[in-house]
Amino acid sequence: MKARGLVLVATRDLSRAGRQLRSLTDALRKGKASGSLESDFLGSYSGGTQEFQDALASLRQAGGQTLVSASDGKGIFKEAGCANCHTLAAAGARGTVGPNLDQVRPSKSTIARAVRYGQGTMVSFGGTLSAAQIQAVADFVSRRAGK
């Protein structure tokens, strides 16, 4: 019974995602403002499945350049404003307010904690980024810092 219930929930969610994706794609093709549609879609369907990643890639090609999935650490790093304060060559970031991440090369857990709760003068992003987004940023920075 449990597996059947999970399949039904997944089917419902995929159906809802399809409707939202059609609305978002139509808005982008017509050149209409789609910020709220993007936010709704990403807020609901940022699980990082390959189908979702493929859909995001298609939407980016259609003009939705601000669409960032929960598994896109580099995109989240940029969109959250991390690049304004930190230097990280892999993200094209040259900020001077916060630590130079290429020099510090923090661990994944240190990054996740700093992003979630804030550290020093850095504000907390725990209320604005999902747990998956925080982990994606932490993974991206820890893998790419200093390279």
N, C-alpha and C. Protein backbone atom coordinates (compact mmCIF):
# COMPACT_ATOMS: atom_id res chain seq x y z
N MET A 1 0.81 -1.21 0.00
CA MET A 1 0.00 0.00 0.00
C MET A 1 0.85 1.26 0.00
N LYS A 2 1.94 1.24 0.76
CA LYS A 2 2.78 2.42 0.86
C LYS A 2 3.35 2.80 -0.51
N ALA A 3 3.86 1.83 -1.26
CA ALA A 3 4.43 2.09 -2.57
C ALA A 3 3.37 2.65 -3.52
N ARG A 4 2.19 2.10 -3.47
CA ARG A 4 1.10 2.58 -4.34
C ARG A 4 0.78 4.03 -4.02
N GLY A 5 0.74 4.36 -2.74
CA GLY A 5 0.47 5.74 -2.33
C GLY A 5 1.54 6.69 -2.83
N LEU A 6 2.79 6.27 -2.77
CA LEU A 6 3.88 7.11 -3.26
C LEU A 6 3.78 7.33 -4.76
N VAL A 7 3.42 6.28 -5.47
CA VAL A 7 3.26 6.41 -6.92
C VAL A 7 2.13 7.37 -7.25
N LEU A 8 1.02 7.29 -6.53
CA LEU A 8 -0.09 8.20 -6.77
C LEU A 8 0.29 9.65 -6.49
N VAL A 9 1.02 9.87 -5.42
CA VAL A 9 1.47 11.24 -5.10
C VAL A 9 2.41 11.74 -6.19
N ALA A 10 3.34 10.90 -6.62
CA ALA A 10 4.28 11.30 -7.66
C ALA A 10 3.55 11.61 -8.96
N THR A 11 2.56 10.81 -9.30
CA THR A 11 1.78 11.03 -10.51
C THR A 11 1.04 12.37 -10.44
N ARG A 12 0.43 12.63 -9.31
CA ARG A 12 -0.27 13.90 -9.13
C ARG A 12 0.69 15.07 -9.25
N ASP A 13 1.86 14.97 -8.59
CA ASP A 13 2.84 16.04 -8.63
C ASP A 13 3.38 16.28 -10.04
N LEU A 14 3.64 15.19 -10.77
CA LEU A 14 4.12 15.35 -12.14
C LEU A 14 3.07 15.99 -13.03
N SER A 15 1.82 15.64 -12.82
CA SER A 15 0.74 16.25 -13.58
C SER A 15 0.67 17.75 -13.30
N ARG A 16 0.75 18.11 -12.03
CA ARG A 16 0.72 19.52 -11.63
C ARG A 16 1.94 20.26 -12.21
N ALA A 17 3.09 19.62 -12.16
CA ALA A 17 4.31 20.22 -12.70
C ALA A 17 4.17 20.47 -14.20
N GLY A 18 3.57 19.53 -14.88
CA GLY A 18 3.35 19.69 -16.32
C GLY A 18 2.48 20.88 -16.63
N ARG A 19 1.41 21.08 -15.86
CA ARG A 19 0.54 22.24 -16.08
C ARG A 19 1.29 23.53 -15.81
N GLN A 20 2.05 23.57 -14.72
CA GLN A 20 2.81 24.78 -14.42
C GLN A 20 3.88 25.03 -15.47
N LEU A 21 4.51 23.98 -15.92
CA LEU A 21 5.56 24.12 -16.92
C LEU A 21 4.98 24.64 -18.24
N ARG A 22 3.80 24.17 -18.62
CA ARG A 22 3.15 24.67 -19.83
C ARG A 22 2.84 26.15 -19.70
N SER A 23 2.33 26.58 -18.54
CA SER A 23 2.02 27.99 -18.33
C SER A 23 3.28 28.84 -18.39
N LEU A 24 4.33 28.37 -17.78
CA LEU A 24 5.59 29.09 -17.76
C LEU A 24 6.19 29.18 -19.15
N THR A 25 6.18 28.07 -19.88
CA THR A 25 6.72 28.05 -21.24
C THR A 25 5.94 28.99 -22.14
N ASP A 26 4.61 28.97 -22.03
CA ASP A 26 3.78 29.86 -22.84
C ASP A 26 4.09 31.32 -22.54
N ALA A 27 4.24 31.67 -21.27
CA ALA A 27 4.56 33.05 -20.90
C ALA A 27 5.91 33.47 -21.46
N LEU A 28 6.89 32.58 -21.38
CA LEU A 28 8.22 32.91 -21.92
C LEU A 28 8.19 33.10 -23.43
N ARG A 29 7.47 32.22 -24.11
CA ARG A 29 7.38 32.33 -25.58
C ARG A 29 6.70 33.62 -26.01
N LYS A 30 5.74 34.08 -25.23
CA LYS A 30 5.01 35.31 -25.55
C LYS A 30 5.73 36.55 -25.03
N GLY A 31 6.85 36.36 -24.36
CA GLY A 31 7.61 37.49 -23.85
C GLY A 31 6.97 38.18 -22.66
N LYS A 32 6.07 37.49 -21.99
CA LYS A 32 5.39 38.07 -20.84
C LYS A 32 6.22 37.88 -19.58
N ALA A 33 6.01 38.76 -18.63
CA ALA A 33 6.68 38.63 -17.33
C ALA A 33 6.27 37.29 -16.73
N SER A 34 7.24 36.56 -16.26
CA SER A 34 6.94 35.22 -15.76
C SER A 34 7.57 34.96 -14.40
N GLY A 35 7.96 36.02 -13.70
CA GLY A 35 8.64 35.85 -12.42
C GLY A 35 7.89 35.02 -11.42
N SER A 36 6.59 35.28 -11.25
CA SER A 36 5.84 34.51 -10.26
C SER A 36 5.66 33.06 -10.72
N LEU A 37 5.50 32.84 -12.01
CA LEU A 37 5.38 31.48 -12.52
C LEU A 37 6.68 30.72 -12.29
N GLU A 38 7.82 31.40 -12.54
CA GLU A 38 9.11 30.76 -12.31
C GLU A 38 9.27 30.38 -10.84
N SER A 39 8.93 31.32 -9.97
CA SER A 39 9.06 31.07 -8.53
C SER A 39 8.18 29.91 -8.09
N ASP A 40 6.94 29.90 -8.55
CA ASP A 40 6.02 28.82 -8.19
C ASP A 40 6.54 27.47 -8.66
N PHE A 41 6.98 27.43 -9.91
CA PHE A 41 7.46 26.17 -10.47
C PHE A 41 8.69 25.69 -9.73
N LEU A 42 9.67 26.57 -9.55
CA LEU A 42 10.90 26.16 -8.89
C LEU A 42 10.69 25.82 -7.43
N GLY A 43 9.79 26.54 -6.78
CA GLY A 43 9.51 26.26 -5.38
C GLY A 43 8.88 24.89 -5.18
N SER A 44 8.13 24.45 -6.16
CA SER A 44 7.44 23.18 -6.05
C SER A 44 8.21 22.00 -6.60
N TYR A 45 9.03 22.23 -7.61
CA TYR A 45 9.61 21.11 -8.34
C TYR A 45 11.12 21.24 -8.48
N SER A 46 11.79 21.35 -7.37
CA SER A 46 13.24 21.51 -7.43
C SER A 46 13.95 20.30 -6.89
N GLY A 47 13.42 19.14 -7.14
CA GLY A 47 14.01 17.92 -6.61
C GLY A 47 15.26 17.44 -7.32
N GLY A 48 15.54 17.98 -8.48
CA GLY A 48 16.78 17.63 -9.14
C GLY A 48 16.73 16.40 -10.02
N THR A 49 15.54 15.87 -10.34
CA THR A 49 15.48 14.70 -11.22
C THR A 49 15.99 15.08 -12.60
N GLN A 50 16.40 14.10 -13.37
CA GLN A 50 16.93 14.39 -14.71
C GLN A 50 15.86 15.05 -15.57
N GLU A 51 14.61 14.61 -15.46
CA GLU A 51 13.55 15.22 -16.24
C GLU A 51 13.40 16.70 -15.90
N PHE A 52 13.51 17.00 -14.60
CA PHE A 52 13.40 18.39 -14.17
C PHE A 52 14.58 19.19 -14.72
N GLN A 53 15.79 18.63 -14.64
CA GLN A 53 16.96 19.32 -15.16
C GLN A 53 16.81 19.57 -16.67
N ASP A 54 16.30 18.59 -17.39
CA ASP A 54 16.09 18.75 -18.82
C ASP A 54 15.07 19.85 -19.10
N ALA A 55 14.01 19.88 -18.30
CA ALA A 55 12.99 20.92 -18.47
C ALA A 55 13.59 22.30 -18.22
N LEU A 56 14.41 22.42 -17.20
CA LEU A 56 15.04 23.71 -16.91
C LEU A 56 15.97 24.13 -18.05
N ALA A 57 16.71 23.20 -18.59
CA ALA A 57 17.60 23.52 -19.70
C ALA A 57 16.80 24.03 -20.89
N SER A 58 15.67 23.40 -21.18
CA SER A 58 14.82 23.84 -22.29
C SER A 58 14.27 25.23 -22.03
N LEU A 59 13.86 25.48 -20.79
CA LEU A 59 13.32 26.79 -20.46
C LEU A 59 14.40 27.87 -20.54
N ARG A 60 15.60 27.57 -20.13
CA ARG A 60 16.69 28.54 -20.24
C ARG A 60 16.91 28.90 -21.70
N GLN A 61 16.87 27.90 -22.58
CA GLN A 61 17.06 28.15 -24.00
C GLN A 61 15.92 28.99 -24.57
N ALA A 62 14.74 28.88 -23.95
CA ALA A 62 13.58 29.64 -24.41
C ALA A 62 13.58 31.06 -23.86
N GLY A 63 14.55 31.39 -23.00
CA GLY A 63 14.63 32.75 -22.49
C GLY A 63 14.45 32.89 -21.01
N GLY A 64 14.30 31.81 -20.30
CA GLY A 64 14.13 31.88 -18.85
C GLY A 64 15.48 31.80 -18.14
N GLN A 65 16.33 32.78 -18.36
CA GLN A 65 17.70 32.73 -17.85
C GLN A 65 17.79 32.73 -16.32
N THR A 66 16.76 33.17 -15.62
CA THR A 66 16.85 33.22 -14.16
C THR A 66 16.43 31.91 -13.51
N LEU A 67 16.07 30.93 -14.30
CA LEU A 67 15.64 29.66 -13.73
C LEU A 67 16.84 28.87 -13.22
N VAL A 68 16.84 28.58 -11.95
CA VAL A 68 17.94 27.82 -11.35
C VAL A 68 17.33 26.69 -10.54
N SER A 69 17.77 25.47 -10.81
CA SER A 69 17.26 24.33 -10.06
C SER A 69 17.98 24.21 -8.73
N ALA A 70 17.42 23.42 -7.87
CA ALA A 70 17.99 23.22 -6.54
C ALA A 70 19.33 22.51 -6.60
N SER A 71 19.65 21.87 -7.70
CA SER A 71 20.93 21.18 -7.79
C SER A 71 21.98 21.98 -8.55
N ASP A 72 21.66 23.20 -8.95
CA ASP A 72 22.57 24.06 -9.70
C ASP A 72 23.31 24.99 -8.73
N GLY A 73 24.33 24.46 -8.07
CA GLY A 73 25.06 25.22 -7.06
C GLY A 73 25.65 26.51 -7.58
N LYS A 74 26.21 26.49 -8.78
CA LYS A 74 26.80 27.70 -9.36
C LYS A 74 25.73 28.76 -9.60
N GLY A 75 24.59 28.34 -10.16
CA GLY A 75 23.51 29.29 -10.42
C GLY A 75 22.94 29.87 -9.13
N ILE A 76 22.78 29.04 -8.13
CA ILE A 76 22.26 29.50 -6.84
C ILE A 76 23.26 30.46 -6.20
N PHE A 77 24.54 30.13 -6.27
CA PHE A 77 25.60 31.00 -5.75
C PHE A 77 25.47 32.40 -6.34
N LYS A 78 25.26 32.46 -7.65
CA LYS A 78 25.15 33.76 -8.32
C LYS A 78 23.83 34.46 -7.98
N GLU A 79 22.72 33.74 -8.09
CA GLU A 79 21.41 34.36 -7.88
C GLU A 79 21.17 34.78 -6.43
N ALA A 80 21.75 34.07 -5.49
CA ALA A 80 21.58 34.43 -4.08
C ALA A 80 22.42 35.64 -3.70
N GLY A 81 23.34 36.03 -4.57
CA GLY A 81 24.17 37.20 -4.31
C GLY A 81 25.50 36.89 -3.66
N CYS A 82 25.86 35.62 -3.56
CA CYS A 82 27.14 35.23 -2.95
C CYS A 82 28.31 35.86 -3.69
N ALA A 83 28.15 35.98 -5.02
CA ALA A 83 29.21 36.53 -5.85
C ALA A 83 29.46 38.01 -5.57
N ASN A 84 28.51 38.67 -4.94
CA ASN A 84 28.70 40.09 -4.61
C ASN A 84 29.72 40.27 -3.50
N CYS A 85 29.87 39.27 -2.66
CA CYS A 85 30.75 39.39 -1.49
C CYS A 85 31.98 38.50 -1.54
N HIS A 86 31.89 37.39 -2.22
CA HIS A 86 32.98 36.41 -2.21
C HIS A 86 33.69 36.31 -3.55
N THR A 87 34.95 35.96 -3.50
CA THR A 87 35.72 35.63 -4.70
C THR A 87 35.68 34.11 -4.86
N LEU A 88 35.30 33.67 -6.04
CA LEU A 88 35.31 32.26 -6.40
C LEU A 88 35.43 32.19 -7.92
N ALA A 89 36.61 31.86 -8.39
CA ALA A 89 36.88 31.87 -9.83
C ALA A 89 35.89 31.01 -10.61
N ALA A 90 35.52 29.86 -10.07
CA ALA A 90 34.62 28.94 -10.77
C ALA A 90 33.25 29.55 -11.04
N ALA A 91 32.89 30.57 -10.28
CA ALA A 91 31.61 31.24 -10.47
C ALA A 91 31.79 32.61 -11.11
N GLY A 92 33.02 32.96 -11.46
CA GLY A 92 33.29 34.28 -12.02
C GLY A 92 33.06 35.38 -10.99
N ALA A 93 33.20 35.06 -9.72
CA ALA A 93 32.92 36.00 -8.63
C ALA A 93 34.21 36.67 -8.15
N ARG A 94 34.12 37.99 -7.96
CA ARG A 94 35.27 38.74 -7.52
C ARG A 94 34.95 39.68 -6.37
N GLY A 95 34.05 39.25 -5.50
CA GLY A 95 33.68 40.07 -4.35
C GLY A 95 34.83 40.18 -3.35
N THR A 96 34.82 41.29 -2.60
CA THR A 96 35.90 41.52 -1.63
C THR A 96 35.38 41.75 -0.22
N VAL A 97 34.09 41.64 -0.01
CA VAL A 97 33.52 41.87 1.32
C VAL A 97 33.74 40.65 2.22
N GLY A 98 33.44 39.46 1.70
CA GLY A 98 33.60 38.23 2.47
C GLY A 98 34.90 37.55 2.12
N PRO A 99 35.16 36.42 2.75
CA PRO A 99 36.40 35.69 2.48
C PRO A 99 36.53 35.27 1.02
N ASN A 100 37.76 35.22 0.55
CA ASN A 100 38.07 34.71 -0.78
C ASN A 100 37.97 33.18 -0.67
N LEU A 101 36.95 32.61 -1.25
CA LEU A 101 36.70 31.17 -1.11
C LEU A 101 37.76 30.33 -1.81
N ASP A 102 38.40 30.89 -2.84
CA ASP A 102 39.47 30.16 -3.50
C ASP A 102 40.68 30.00 -2.59
N GLN A 103 40.89 30.97 -1.71
CA GLN A 103 42.01 30.88 -0.77
C GLN A 103 41.65 30.07 0.47
N VAL A 104 40.45 30.28 1.01
CA VAL A 104 40.04 29.61 2.24
C VAL A 104 39.75 28.14 2.02
N ARG A 105 39.15 27.82 0.88
CA ARG A 105 38.77 26.44 0.52
C ARG A 105 38.03 25.74 1.65
N PRO A 106 36.87 26.28 2.06
CA PRO A 106 36.14 25.71 3.19
C PRO A 106 35.53 24.34 2.85
N SER A 107 35.29 23.56 3.90
CA SER A 107 34.67 22.25 3.72
C SER A 107 33.19 22.41 3.39
N LYS A 108 32.62 21.36 2.88
CA LYS A 108 31.19 21.37 2.53
C LYS A 108 30.33 21.66 3.75
N SER A 109 30.65 21.05 4.89
CA SER A 109 29.84 21.28 6.09
C SER A 109 29.99 22.71 6.61
N THR A 110 31.18 23.29 6.50
CA THR A 110 31.39 24.68 6.92
C THR A 110 30.58 25.63 6.06
N ILE A 111 30.58 25.37 4.77
CA ILE A 111 29.82 26.22 3.84
C ILE A 111 28.33 26.10 4.12
N ALA A 112 27.83 24.88 4.24
CA ALA A 112 26.40 24.68 4.49
C ALA A 112 25.96 25.38 5.77
N ARG A 113 26.76 25.28 6.80
CA ARG A 113 26.44 25.92 8.09
C ARG A 113 26.42 27.45 7.95
N ALA A 114 27.43 28.01 7.26
CA ALA A 114 27.50 29.46 7.07
C ALA A 114 26.33 29.97 6.25
N VAL A 115 25.97 29.25 5.19
CA VAL A 115 24.85 29.67 4.35
C VAL A 115 23.54 29.57 5.12
N ARG A 116 23.35 28.48 5.84
CA ARG A 116 22.10 28.26 6.56
C ARG A 116 21.91 29.25 7.72
N TYR A 117 22.97 29.48 8.50
CA TYR A 117 22.82 30.26 9.72
C TYR A 117 23.49 31.63 9.68
N GLY A 118 24.30 31.89 8.67
CA GLY A 118 25.07 33.13 8.64
C GLY A 118 26.34 32.95 9.44
N GLN A 119 27.29 33.85 9.22
CA GLN A 119 28.56 33.76 9.94
C GLN A 119 29.24 35.11 9.83
N GLY A 120 29.69 35.65 10.95
CA GLY A 120 30.32 36.97 10.94
C GLY A 120 29.34 38.00 10.43
N THR A 121 29.70 38.72 9.37
CA THR A 121 28.80 39.72 8.80
C THR A 121 27.86 39.13 7.75
N MET A 122 28.05 37.87 7.43
CA MET A 122 27.20 37.22 6.43
C MET A 122 25.84 36.90 7.03
N VAL A 123 24.80 37.26 6.29
CA VAL A 123 23.43 36.99 6.75
C VAL A 123 23.07 35.53 6.51
N SER A 124 22.06 35.06 7.19
CA SER A 124 21.56 33.71 7.03
C SER A 124 20.72 33.61 5.76
N PHE A 125 20.90 32.54 5.04
CA PHE A 125 20.07 32.26 3.87
C PHE A 125 19.12 31.10 4.14
N GLY A 126 19.07 30.66 5.41
CA GLY A 126 18.22 29.54 5.78
C GLY A 126 16.75 29.79 5.53
N GLY A 127 16.33 31.04 5.55
CA GLY A 127 14.93 31.37 5.30
C GLY A 127 14.61 31.63 3.84
N THR A 128 15.64 31.75 3.00
CA THR A 128 15.39 32.05 1.59
C THR A 128 15.80 30.93 0.64
N LEU A 129 16.71 30.08 1.08
CA LEU A 129 17.12 28.95 0.25
C LEU A 129 16.64 27.65 0.89
N SER A 130 16.24 26.72 0.06
CA SER A 130 15.82 25.41 0.56
C SER A 130 17.04 24.62 1.02
N ALA A 131 16.81 23.56 1.76
CA ALA A 131 17.90 22.70 2.19
C ALA A 131 18.66 22.13 1.00
N ALA A 132 17.94 21.78 -0.06
CA ALA A 132 18.59 21.25 -1.26
C ALA A 132 19.46 22.32 -1.93
N GLN A 133 18.98 23.56 -1.96
CA GLN A 133 19.76 24.64 -2.56
C GLN A 133 21.03 24.91 -1.74
N ILE A 134 20.90 24.90 -0.42
CA ILE A 134 22.06 25.11 0.44
C ILE A 134 23.09 24.02 0.21
N GLN A 135 22.64 22.78 0.12
CA GLN A 135 23.56 21.68 -0.12
C GLN A 135 24.22 21.79 -1.49
N ALA A 136 23.47 22.25 -2.48
CA ALA A 136 24.03 22.41 -3.83
C ALA A 136 25.13 23.47 -3.83
N VAL A 137 24.89 24.58 -3.14
CA VAL A 137 25.92 25.63 -3.04
C VAL A 137 27.14 25.08 -2.31
N ALA A 138 26.91 24.41 -1.20
CA ALA A 138 28.01 23.87 -0.42
C ALA A 138 28.83 22.86 -1.24
N ASP A 139 28.15 22.03 -1.99
CA ASP A 139 28.84 21.05 -2.83
C ASP A 139 29.65 21.75 -3.92
N PHE A 140 29.03 22.71 -4.58
CA PHE A 140 29.71 23.44 -5.66
C PHE A 140 30.96 24.16 -5.14
N VAL A 141 30.80 24.92 -4.07
CA VAL A 141 31.93 25.69 -3.55
C VAL A 141 33.04 24.77 -3.05
N SER A 142 32.67 23.74 -2.31
CA SER A 142 33.70 22.85 -1.75
C SER A 142 34.47 22.10 -2.84
N ARG A 143 33.80 21.78 -3.93
CA ARG A 143 34.46 21.08 -5.04
C ARG A 143 35.30 22.01 -5.91
N ARG A 144 34.87 23.27 -6.05
CA ARG A 144 35.49 24.16 -7.02
C ARG A 144 36.41 25.23 -6.43
N ALA A 145 36.35 25.48 -5.15
CA ALA A 145 37.19 26.52 -4.54
C ALA A 145 38.66 26.17 -4.72
N GLY A 146 39.42 27.15 -5.17
CA GLY A 146 40.85 26.97 -5.34
C GLY A 146 41.26 26.28 -6.61
N LYS A 147 40.33 26.03 -7.49
CA LYS A 147 40.65 25.31 -8.74
C LYS A 147 40.55 26.22 -9.93
